[in-house]
């Protein structure tokens, strides 16, 4: 952005300078140059070589600055579009990982052959019948998968295992099947959490779909939602790890200083633990509030370790798991604030039709709601892996 401002300033100075020099010979043409500088090509020719009104230097500098400005604006637009697509892919990955890979492949220009604009990328060759042949290395296999659509399973955003590569059509030692093609399966991989700088974080307002939970969160006014893949630096700053398998994002208030080491926030996570039975009235602990109409439990627990304050949580049950809103590590003077905040988020979450807690038919989870809540205390905190732009990892 600094270069763009400099180019604008340089263009402004050159136009004023040209107008002054042209005005020495023709006042009308000088004013016209101020209004529309390309018209200066006329005095550029007529005043060529005149000592007081020659504008060759200014005109050349103006053309160069205009070209550099255009190039910089084009790069800014491309980067903004790419960031938007990254957010779209990350959001879609939680709902349909296969479709997310297809979007990513189209963005990278992957077709049969080399990806557009990347002549060093691996080549996808075709056999005699015109069908793509799978590469023999796992590095090239990713391009083959994206170009041909050979993806399968909910873990499609993972990496290939050796057995998967060996079973791919056209791999070394394997002949392409004449009938149905086998579906390639992916080995699971840890979800990437980027070390996104604070000024580049994309804060989401309004409705946010919580894909794995089949629910929609209507973010309340003055709050902002940060998707999981952008939480690397914030997680390091706050010293609270991101669970790559459960965390969906964080919710922060617009007045919270995210550069503070103890800012408060709400973690949104989904636990696919099956259908948890609602607790009977006589089994509800005094420390837990249960709302049967919304299938929501509100409770507090000591943080891990306990010296780091209290966690205030609201758990909204669905037919296949639990959506947890947690305000972690709150000091005593913020307990009421955290309690109200998590209750508010739970009330603003709407489970999709067919996935609500009361619509379950079948066997319930072996755990009761109380037992599952107790198991949360014993879980160890996961390690966050943040990828920086320089390729380094932090944890």
Protein backbone atom coordinates (compact mmCIF):
# COMPACT_ATOMS: atom_id res chain seq x y z
CA UNK A 1 0.00 0.00 0.00
CA UNK A 2 2.97 2.35 0.60
CA UNK A 3 4.11 2.02 -3.02
CA UNK A 4 0.63 2.82 -4.30
CA UNK A 5 0.54 6.07 -2.33
CA UNK A 6 3.99 7.02 -3.65
CA UNK A 7 2.93 6.40 -7.26
CA UNK A 8 -0.19 8.52 -6.81
CA UNK A 9 1.92 11.34 -5.35
CA UNK A 10 4.48 11.08 -8.16
CA UNK A 11 1.75 11.20 -10.81
CA UNK A 12 0.17 14.23 -9.13
CA UNK A 13 3.52 16.08 -9.02
CA UNK A 14 4.32 15.27 -12.67
CA UNK A 15 0.89 16.46 -13.87
CA UNK A 16 1.24 19.76 -11.99
CA UNK A 17 4.78 20.18 -13.32
CA UNK A 18 3.68 19.51 -16.91
CA UNK A 19 0.72 21.89 -16.58
CA UNK A 20 3.02 24.68 -15.39
CA UNK A 21 5.52 24.19 -18.22
CA UNK A 22 2.79 23.89 -20.85
CA UNK A 23 1.02 26.96 -19.43
CA UNK A 24 4.08 29.09 -20.19
CA UNK A 25 3.34 28.59 -23.86
CA UNK A 26 -0.47 28.08 -23.79
CA UNK A 27 -2.63 28.74 -20.72
CA UNK A 28 -5.59 26.85 -22.16
CA UNK A 29 -3.55 23.74 -22.87
CA UNK A 30 -2.06 23.89 -19.38
CA UNK A 31 -5.53 23.90 -17.83
CA UNK A 32 -6.60 21.08 -20.15
CA UNK A 33 -3.59 19.04 -18.98
CA UNK A 34 -4.71 19.44 -15.37
CA UNK A 35 -8.17 18.18 -16.29
CA UNK A 36 -7.06 15.29 -18.53
CA UNK A 37 -3.32 14.73 -18.59
CA UNK A 38 -3.18 12.38 -21.64
CA UNK A 39 -3.95 15.44 -23.79
CA UNK A 40 -0.40 16.54 -22.95
CA UNK A 41 0.77 14.36 -25.85
CA UNK A 42 -0.05 17.34 -28.11
CA UNK A 43 2.27 19.84 -26.42
CA UNK A 44 4.78 17.01 -26.00
CA UNK A 45 5.12 17.01 -29.80
CA UNK A 46 4.67 20.74 -30.49
CA UNK A 47 7.03 21.84 -27.70
CA UNK A 48 9.65 19.19 -28.39
CA UNK A 49 13.09 20.62 -27.62
CA UNK A 50 11.88 24.01 -26.32
CA UNK A 51 13.81 24.89 -23.22
CA UNK A 52 10.98 26.35 -21.09
CA UNK A 53 8.07 24.16 -22.25
CA UNK A 54 9.64 20.77 -23.09
CA UNK A 55 7.85 18.08 -21.05
CA UNK A 56 9.65 14.94 -22.27
CA UNK A 57 11.11 14.05 -18.86
CA UNK A 58 7.86 14.64 -16.97
CA UNK A 59 5.81 12.73 -19.52
CA UNK A 60 8.09 9.68 -19.41
CA UNK A 61 8.14 9.65 -15.61
CA UNK A 62 4.35 9.97 -15.62
CA UNK A 63 3.95 7.00 -17.96
CA UNK A 64 6.30 4.84 -15.89
CA UNK A 65 4.55 5.78 -12.63
CA UNK A 66 1.15 5.06 -14.18
CA UNK A 67 2.31 1.62 -15.31
CA UNK A 68 3.74 0.79 -11.90
CA UNK A 69 0.55 2.02 -10.23
CA UNK A 70 -1.59 -0.17 -12.47
CA UNK A 71 0.59 -3.19 -11.73
CA UNK A 72 0.41 -2.58 -7.96
CA UNK A 73 -3.36 -2.15 -7.99
CA UNK A 74 -3.70 -5.36 -9.98
CA UNK A 75 -1.61 -7.26 -7.42
CA UNK A 76 -3.69 -5.88 -4.54
CA UNK A 77 -6.88 -6.99 -6.28
CA UNK A 78 -5.46 -10.46 -6.93
CA UNK A 79 -4.30 -10.85 -3.33
CA UNK A 80 -7.71 -9.76 -2.03
CA UNK A 81 -9.46 -12.24 -4.31
CA UNK A 82 -7.10 -15.03 -3.28
CA UNK A 83 -7.68 -14.27 0.41
CA UNK A 84 -11.43 -14.37 -0.20
CA UNK A 85 -11.07 -17.72 -1.94
CA UNK A 86 -8.92 -19.08 0.91
CA UNK A 87 -11.67 -18.16 3.37
CA UNK A 88 -14.27 -19.74 1.09
CA UNK A 89 -12.24 -22.95 0.81
CA UNK A 90 -11.61 -23.10 4.58
CA UNK A 91 -15.29 -22.52 5.28
CA UNK A 92 -16.34 -25.11 2.71
CA UNK A 93 -13.84 -27.69 4.00
CA UNK A 94 -15.85 -28.09 7.18
CA UNK A 95 -18.99 -28.79 5.15
CA UNK A 96 -17.80 -30.65 2.05
CA UNK A 97 -14.07 -31.34 1.85
CA UNK A 98 -14.31 -32.84 -1.65
CA UNK A 99 -15.98 -29.72 -3.04
CA UNK A 100 -13.39 -27.58 -1.24
CA UNK A 101 -10.61 -29.43 -3.09
CA UNK A 102 -12.37 -28.88 -6.40
CA UNK A 103 -12.61 -25.14 -5.71
CA UNK A 104 -8.93 -25.06 -4.81
CA UNK A 105 -8.00 -26.93 -7.99
CA UNK A 106 -9.98 -24.50 -10.14
CA UNK A 107 -8.35 -21.57 -8.36
CA UNK A 108 -4.87 -22.93 -9.08
CA UNK A 109 -5.79 -23.45 -12.74
CA UNK A 110 -5.22 -27.21 -12.68
CA UNK A 111 -6.28 -28.90 -15.89
CA UNK A 112 -5.07 -31.89 -17.86
CA UNK A 113 -1.42 -30.95 -18.28
CA UNK A 114 0.51 -28.37 -16.30
CA UNK A 115 -1.31 -25.88 -14.05
CA UNK A 116 -1.82 -22.54 -15.77
CA UNK A 117 1.02 -20.12 -15.16
CA UNK A 118 3.26 -22.72 -13.50
CA UNK A 119 5.50 -24.40 -16.07
CA UNK A 120 7.51 -26.13 -13.33
CA UNK A 121 4.51 -28.03 -12.00
CA UNK A 122 4.35 -31.80 -12.59
CA UNK A 123 2.81 -32.93 -15.85
CA UNK A 124 -0.33 -35.07 -15.93
CA UNK A 125 0.06 -37.43 -18.88
CA UNK A 126 -2.69 -39.15 -20.83
CA UNK A 127 -2.83 -42.76 -21.99
CA UNK A 128 -3.78 -44.00 -25.47
CA UNK A 129 -7.49 -43.72 -24.70
CA UNK A 130 -7.14 -40.11 -23.55
CA UNK A 131 -7.52 -40.88 -19.84
CA UNK A 132 -5.12 -39.36 -17.31
CA UNK A 133 -2.41 -41.65 -15.95
CA UNK A 134 -1.61 -41.37 -12.26
CA UNK A 135 1.91 -40.11 -11.43
CA UNK A 136 4.29 -42.43 -9.65
CA UNK A 137 5.23 -40.08 -6.81
CA UNK A 138 3.13 -38.75 -3.98
CA UNK A 139 4.26 -35.20 -4.78
CA UNK A 140 2.74 -35.29 -8.26
CA UNK A 141 -0.31 -37.28 -7.13
CA UNK A 142 -2.00 -34.21 -5.63
CA UNK A 143 -2.23 -32.59 -9.06
CA UNK A 144 -3.60 -35.81 -10.54
CA UNK A 145 -6.29 -36.03 -7.89
CA UNK A 146 -7.40 -32.43 -8.30
CA UNK A 147 -7.45 -32.57 -12.10
CA UNK A 148 -9.29 -35.88 -12.39
CA UNK A 149 -11.59 -35.71 -9.37
CA UNK A 150 -10.30 -38.99 -7.85
CA UNK A 151 -11.13 -38.09 -4.28
CA UNK A 152 -13.11 -39.91 -1.68
CA UNK A 153 -14.20 -39.93 1.93
CA UNK A 154 -14.69 -37.10 4.38
CA UNK A 155 -10.95 -36.86 5.01
CA UNK A 156 -10.27 -35.77 1.44
CA UNK A 157 -8.21 -32.84 2.58
CA UNK A 158 -5.53 -35.17 3.90
CA UNK A 159 -2.52 -36.75 2.19
CA UNK A 160 -2.08 -39.95 0.24
CA UNK A 161 -0.76 -43.08 1.85
CA UNK A 162 1.59 -45.48 0.03
CA UNK A 163 -1.15 -48.06 -0.39
CA UNK A 164 -3.40 -45.46 -1.97
CA UNK A 165 -0.73 -44.49 -4.49
CA UNK A 166 -0.14 -48.13 -5.36
CA UNK A 167 -3.83 -48.66 -6.01
CA UNK A 168 -4.22 -45.61 -8.23
CA UNK A 169 -5.07 -46.36 -11.88
CA UNK A 170 -1.95 -46.23 -14.01
CA UNK A 171 0.52 -46.40 -11.11
CA UNK A 172 3.76 -48.37 -11.46
CA UNK A 173 3.11 -52.11 -11.48
CA UNK A 174 -0.63 -51.60 -11.80
CA UNK A 175 -2.76 -51.73 -14.91
CA UNK A 176 -5.72 -49.45 -15.33
CA UNK A 177 -8.92 -51.38 -14.58
CA UNK A 178 -11.23 -51.96 -17.51
CA UNK A 179 -14.43 -51.61 -15.52
CA UNK A 180 -15.07 -49.43 -12.50
CA UNK A 181 -12.23 -47.26 -11.22
CA UNK A 182 -11.27 -47.69 -7.55
CA UNK A 183 -11.91 -44.79 -5.23
CA UNK A 184 -8.72 -43.41 -3.75
CA UNK A 185 -8.76 -42.92 0.01
CA UNK A 186 -6.73 -40.37 1.90
CA UNK A 187 -4.70 -40.78 5.05
CA UNK A 188 -5.81 -38.27 7.72
CA UNK A 189 -3.77 -35.12 8.12
CA UNK A 190 -3.76 -32.39 10.73
CA UNK A 191 -5.81 -29.35 9.78
CA UNK A 192 -3.57 -26.39 9.01
CA UNK A 193 -3.77 -23.42 11.38
CA UNK A 194 -2.15 -20.37 9.82
CA UNK A 195 -0.21 -17.73 11.73
CA UNK A 196 -2.33 -14.97 10.20
CA UNK A 197 -1.23 -11.41 11.13
CA UNK A 198 -3.88 -9.50 13.06
CA UNK A 199 -4.36 -6.89 10.34
CA UNK A 200 -5.08 -9.63 7.78
CA UNK A 201 -7.66 -11.58 9.78
CA UNK A 202 -11.03 -11.84 8.08
CA UNK A 203 -13.67 -11.15 10.74
CA UNK A 204 -17.06 -12.57 9.89
CA UNK A 205 -20.38 -11.09 10.96
CA UNK A 206 -23.94 -12.18 10.44
CA UNK A 207 -24.69 -15.84 9.83
CA UNK A 208 -21.87 -18.38 10.01
CA UNK A 209 -22.57 -22.02 9.15
CA UNK A 210 -21.01 -24.52 11.55
CA UNK A 211 -20.53 -27.30 9.00
CA UNK A 212 -19.73 -30.39 11.12
CA UNK A 213 -22.56 -29.52 13.51
CA UNK A 214 -25.11 -28.88 10.75
CA UNK A 215 -26.07 -25.65 12.45
CA UNK A 216 -25.94 -21.90 11.80
CA UNK A 217 -24.62 -19.29 14.22
CA UNK A 218 -26.12 -15.83 13.88
CA UNK A 219 -23.25 -13.76 15.28
CA UNK A 220 -24.75 -11.13 17.62
CA UNK A 221 -24.11 -7.43 17.01
CA UNK A 222 -20.72 -6.14 18.17
CA UNK A 223 -19.22 -9.64 17.99
CA UNK A 224 -17.01 -11.08 15.27
CA UNK A 225 -16.25 -14.67 14.27
CA UNK A 226 -12.71 -15.79 13.39
CA UNK A 227 -12.42 -19.08 11.49
CA UNK A 228 -10.13 -21.78 12.83
CA UNK A 229 -7.50 -21.55 10.09
CA UNK A 230 -6.66 -17.93 11.08
CA UNK A 231 -6.08 -18.53 14.80
CA UNK A 232 -2.36 -19.34 14.82
CA UNK A 233 -0.96 -16.05 16.15
CA UNK A 234 -3.93 -15.35 18.42
CA UNK A 235 -3.56 -18.80 19.94
CA UNK A 236 0.13 -18.19 20.61
CA UNK A 237 -0.55 -14.78 22.10
CA UNK A 238 -3.33 -16.04 24.34
CA UNK A 239 -1.49 -19.29 25.19
CA UNK A 240 -4.63 -21.34 24.54
CA UNK A 241 -4.14 -24.09 21.91
CA UNK A 242 -6.49 -24.70 19.00
CA UNK A 243 -7.89 -28.22 18.75
CA UNK A 244 -7.55 -28.96 15.00
CA UNK A 245 -10.19 -31.69 15.11
CA UNK A 246 -12.92 -29.88 17.07
CA UNK A 247 -12.41 -26.12 17.10
CA UNK A 248 -14.50 -24.27 14.53
CA UNK A 249 -13.44 -20.75 15.44
CA UNK A 250 -13.31 -18.02 18.06
CA UNK A 251 -15.80 -15.24 18.75
CA UNK A 252 -14.44 -11.91 19.98
CA UNK A 253 -16.09 -8.63 20.94
CA UNK A 254 -15.29 -5.66 18.72
CA UNK A 255 -13.98 -3.67 21.70
CA UNK A 256 -11.57 -6.37 22.87
CA UNK A 257 -7.89 -5.58 22.32
CA UNK A 258 -6.58 -8.65 20.51
CA UNK A 259 -2.99 -7.61 21.20
CA UNK A 260 -3.51 -8.04 24.92
CA UNK A 261 -2.14 -11.23 26.48
CA UNK A 262 -5.34 -11.89 28.45
CA UNK A 263 -8.18 -10.81 26.12
CA UNK A 264 -11.40 -12.76 26.60
CA UNK A 265 -13.10 -14.66 23.80
CA UNK A 266 -15.49 -17.55 23.14
CA UNK A 267 -14.24 -20.76 21.60
CA UNK A 268 -16.70 -22.57 19.32
CA UNK A 269 -16.15 -26.31 18.97
CA UNK A 270 -18.11 -29.36 17.91
CA UNK A 271 -17.76 -32.74 19.62
CA UNK A 272 -19.10 -35.64 17.57
CA UNK A 273 -19.83 -37.90 20.55
CA UNK A 274 -23.17 -39.24 19.39
CA UNK A 275 -26.59 -38.60 20.84
CA UNK A 276 -26.30 -37.60 24.50
CA UNK A 277 -29.44 -38.23 26.49
CA UNK A 278 -30.94 -35.26 28.29
CA UNK A 279 -30.30 -35.51 32.05
CA UNK A 280 -33.29 -36.41 34.23
CA UNK A 281 -34.41 -33.64 36.58
CA UNK A 282 -33.07 -35.39 39.68
CA UNK A 283 -29.62 -35.86 38.09
CA UNK A 284 -28.97 -32.23 37.20
CA UNK A 285 -26.09 -30.91 39.25
CA UNK A 286 -26.51 -27.67 41.13
CA UNK A 287 -23.65 -26.14 39.14
CA UNK A 288 -25.36 -26.84 35.80
CA UNK A 289 -28.35 -25.12 34.24
CA UNK A 290 -30.37 -27.27 31.80
CA UNK A 291 -32.87 -25.88 29.31
CA UNK A 292 -34.85 -28.76 27.82
CA UNK A 293 -36.57 -26.62 25.17
CA UNK A 294 -33.26 -25.69 23.48
CA UNK A 295 -31.29 -28.78 24.67
CA UNK A 296 -28.68 -26.50 26.21
CA UNK A 297 -26.56 -27.01 29.31
CA UNK A 298 -24.75 -24.08 30.95
CA UNK A 299 -22.02 -24.73 33.48
CA UNK A 300 -18.66 -23.63 34.84
CA UNK A 301 -15.47 -25.64 35.27
CA UNK A 302 -11.99 -24.88 36.60
CA UNK A 303 -9.56 -24.18 33.78
CA UNK A 304 -6.62 -26.52 33.09
CA UNK A 305 -4.58 -25.85 35.17
CA UNK A 306 -6.98 -24.51 37.77
CA UNK A 307 -4.75 -21.55 38.64
CA UNK A 308 -5.65 -20.04 35.27
CA UNK A 309 -9.20 -19.21 36.29
CA UNK A 310 -12.58 -20.67 35.33
CA UNK A 311 -14.12 -21.81 32.06
CA UNK A 312 -17.72 -20.82 31.42
CA UNK A 313 -19.44 -23.07 28.89
CA UNK A 314 -22.75 -23.52 27.11
CA UNK A 315 -23.31 -26.86 25.35
CA UNK A 316 -26.05 -27.18 22.75
CA UNK A 317 -26.90 -30.80 21.97
CA UNK A 318 -27.65 -32.06 18.47
CA UNK A 319 -28.70 -35.48 17.25
CA UNK A 320 -25.06 -36.52 16.65
CA UNK A 321 -22.98 -34.50 19.07
CA UNK A 322 -22.59 -31.28 21.03
CA UNK A 323 -21.75 -27.69 20.09
CA UNK A 324 -19.70 -26.13 22.85
CA UNK A 325 -19.28 -22.41 23.45
CA UNK A 326 -16.47 -21.89 25.97
CA UNK A 327 -15.13 -18.69 27.48
CA UNK A 328 -11.82 -19.99 28.83
CA UNK A 329 -9.62 -18.93 31.74
CA UNK A 330 -11.77 -16.14 33.11
CA UNK A 331 -10.79 -14.26 36.27
CA UNK A 332 -13.38 -13.81 39.01
CA UNK A 333 -14.47 -10.37 37.80
CA UNK A 334 -15.33 -11.77 34.32
CA UNK A 335 -17.27 -14.89 35.31
CA UNK A 336 -20.67 -13.25 34.91
CA UNK A 337 -19.59 -11.73 31.61
CA UNK A 338 -18.48 -15.12 30.30
CA UNK A 339 -21.67 -16.80 31.48
CA UNK A 340 -23.88 -14.29 29.69
CA UNK A 341 -21.75 -14.44 26.54
CA UNK A 342 -21.82 -18.22 26.11
CA UNK A 343 -25.55 -18.30 26.86
CA UNK A 344 -26.07 -15.63 24.20
CA UNK A 345 -24.12 -17.59 21.57
CA UNK A 346 -26.04 -20.78 22.29
CA UNK A 347 -29.33 -18.94 21.94
CA UNK A 348 -28.18 -17.52 18.57
CA UNK A 349 -27.40 -20.99 17.17
CA UNK A 350 -30.03 -22.72 15.06
CA UNK A 351 -29.65 -26.42 14.31
CA UNK A 352 -30.74 -27.43 10.83
CA UNK A 353 -33.90 -29.42 10.27
CA UNK A 354 -33.33 -33.11 10.84
CA UNK A 355 -30.31 -32.59 13.09
CA UNK A 356 -31.86 -31.26 16.28
CA UNK A 357 -31.57 -33.19 19.52
CA UNK A 358 -35.21 -34.27 19.60
CA UNK A 359 -35.11 -35.63 16.04
CA UNK A 360 -32.80 -38.51 16.89
CA UNK A 361 -33.99 -42.07 16.33
CA UNK A 362 -31.82 -45.01 17.35
CA UNK A 363 -29.38 -45.91 20.11
CA UNK A 364 -27.91 -43.17 22.23
CA UNK A 365 -24.26 -42.61 23.11
CA UNK A 366 -22.88 -44.86 25.87
CA UNK A 367 -22.04 -41.66 27.76
CA UNK A 368 -24.56 -39.54 29.56
CA UNK A 369 -24.36 -35.77 29.36
CA UNK A 370 -22.93 -35.61 32.88
CA UNK A 371 -20.29 -38.24 32.12
CA UNK A 372 -19.26 -36.48 28.95
CA UNK A 373 -18.90 -33.18 30.79
CA UNK A 374 -16.70 -34.93 33.36
CA UNK A 375 -14.56 -36.34 30.56
CA UNK A 376 -13.85 -32.81 29.34
CA UNK A 377 -11.94 -32.10 32.53
CA UNK A 378 -9.57 -35.01 31.97
CA UNK A 379 -8.76 -34.25 28.34
CA UNK A 380 -5.28 -32.95 27.66
CA UNK A 381 -4.97 -29.76 25.69
CA UNK A 382 -3.98 -30.26 22.04
CA UNK A 383 -0.96 -28.61 20.52
CA UNK A 384 -1.53 -25.94 17.91
CA UNK A 385 0.63 -25.96 14.79
CA UNK A 386 0.72 -22.57 13.11
CA UNK A 387 2.18 -22.22 9.65
CA UNK A 388 3.94 -18.94 9.01
CA UNK A 389 4.53 -17.40 5.61
CA UNK A 390 8.26 -18.11 5.88
CA UNK A 391 7.55 -21.83 6.09
CA UNK A 392 8.42 -22.16 9.79
CA UNK A 393 6.12 -23.77 12.32
CA UNK A 394 5.33 -22.62 15.83
CA UNK A 395 3.57 -24.43 18.64
